[in-house]
């Protein structure tokens, strides 16, 4: 990842936030890093599929 970071607001249902928060706690990282990990994993799995 580069040194440039894009900041933005993300709205999500409370239930999804709770799941992310629980997952982040299990992985010993903040929710923001858990979101990045989830997005990266999704993109890795789905890259080149069209």
C-alpha atoms as a PDB file:
ATOM      1  CA  UNK A   1       0.000   0.000   0.000  1.00  0.00           C
ATOM      2  CA  UNK A   2       1.252   3.488  -0.756  1.00  0.00           C
ATOM      3  CA  UNK A   3       1.766   6.360   1.667  1.00  0.00           C
ATOM      4  CA  UNK A   4      -1.283   8.113   0.220  1.00  0.00           C
ATOM      5  CA  UNK A   5      -4.483   7.408   2.112  1.00  0.00           C
ATOM      6  CA  UNK A   6      -7.982   8.413   1.023  1.00  0.00           C
ATOM      7  CA  UNK A   7     -10.299   9.301   3.908  1.00  0.00           C
ATOM      8  CA  UNK A   8     -14.051   8.977   3.489  1.00  0.00           C
ATOM      9  CA  UNK A   9     -17.256   8.418   5.430  1.00  0.00           C
ATOM     10  CA  UNK A  10     -18.866   5.007   5.219  1.00  0.00           C
ATOM     11  CA  UNK A  11     -22.400   4.323   6.383  1.00  0.00           C
ATOM     12  CA  UNK A  12     -23.386   0.764   7.237  1.00  0.00           C
ATOM     13  CA  UNK A  13     -26.083  -1.069   9.156  1.00  0.00           C
ATOM     14  CA  UNK A  14     -25.381  -1.538  12.868  1.00  0.00           C
ATOM     15  CA  UNK A  15     -25.488  -5.324  12.439  1.00  0.00           C
ATOM     16  CA  UNK A  16     -22.645  -5.220   9.903  1.00  0.00           C
ATOM     17  CA  UNK A  17     -20.634  -2.872  12.139  1.00  0.00           C
ATOM     18  CA  UNK A  18     -21.083  -5.286  15.043  1.00  0.00           C
ATOM     19  CA  UNK A  19     -19.825  -8.207  12.939  1.00  0.00           C
ATOM     20  CA  UNK A  20     -16.810  -6.205  11.761  1.00  0.00           C
ATOM     21  CA  UNK A  21     -16.068  -5.099  15.305  1.00  0.00           C
ATOM     22  CA  UNK A  22     -16.160  -8.687  16.580  1.00  0.00           C
ATOM     23  CA  UNK A  23     -13.930  -9.851  13.735  1.00  0.00           C
ATOM     24  CA  UNK A  24     -11.493  -7.010  14.351  1.00  0.00           C
ATOM     25  CA  UNK A  25     -11.288  -7.911  18.024  1.00  0.00           C
ATOM     26  CA  UNK A  26     -10.531 -11.556  17.168  1.00  0.00           C
ATOM     27  CA  UNK A  27      -7.789 -10.391  14.788  1.00  0.00           C
ATOM     28  CA  UNK A  28      -6.337  -7.847  17.253  1.00  0.00           C
ATOM     29  CA  UNK A  29      -6.757  -4.850  14.947  1.00  0.00           C
ATOM     30  CA  UNK A  30      -8.974  -1.766  14.692  1.00  0.00           C
ATOM     31  CA  UNK A  31     -12.186  -1.900  12.689  1.00  0.00           C
ATOM     32  CA  UNK A  32     -10.685   0.325   9.978  1.00  0.00           C
ATOM     33  CA  UNK A  33      -7.911  -2.243   9.374  1.00  0.00           C
ATOM     34  CA  UNK A  34     -10.487  -5.045   9.428  1.00  0.00           C
ATOM     35  CA  UNK A  35     -12.451  -3.273   6.690  1.00  0.00           C
ATOM     36  CA  UNK A  36      -9.269  -2.896   4.610  1.00  0.00           C
ATOM     37  CA  UNK A  37      -8.439  -6.573   5.087  1.00  0.00           C
ATOM     38  CA  UNK A  38     -11.962  -7.628   4.079  1.00  0.00           C
ATOM     39  CA  UNK A  39     -11.958  -5.430   0.969  1.00  0.00           C
ATOM     40  CA  UNK A  40      -8.492  -6.631  -0.056  1.00  0.00           C
ATOM     41  CA  UNK A  41      -9.493 -10.268   0.430  1.00  0.00           C
ATOM     42  CA  UNK A  42     -12.646  -9.747  -1.638  1.00  0.00           C
ATOM     43  CA  UNK A  43     -10.718  -8.042  -4.442  1.00  0.00           C
ATOM     44  CA  UNK A  44      -8.037 -10.748  -4.440  1.00  0.00           C
ATOM     45  CA  UNK A  45     -10.703 -13.447  -4.775  1.00  0.00           C
ATOM     46  CA  UNK A  46     -12.616 -11.636  -7.499  1.00  0.00           C
ATOM     47  CA  UNK A  47      -9.869 -10.008  -9.558  1.00  0.00           C
ATOM     48  CA  UNK A  48     -10.075 -10.939 -13.198  1.00  0.00           C
ATOM     49  CA  UNK A  49     -13.608 -12.327 -12.939  1.00  0.00           C
ATOM     50  CA  UNK A  50     -15.952 -10.776 -15.461  1.00  0.00           C
END
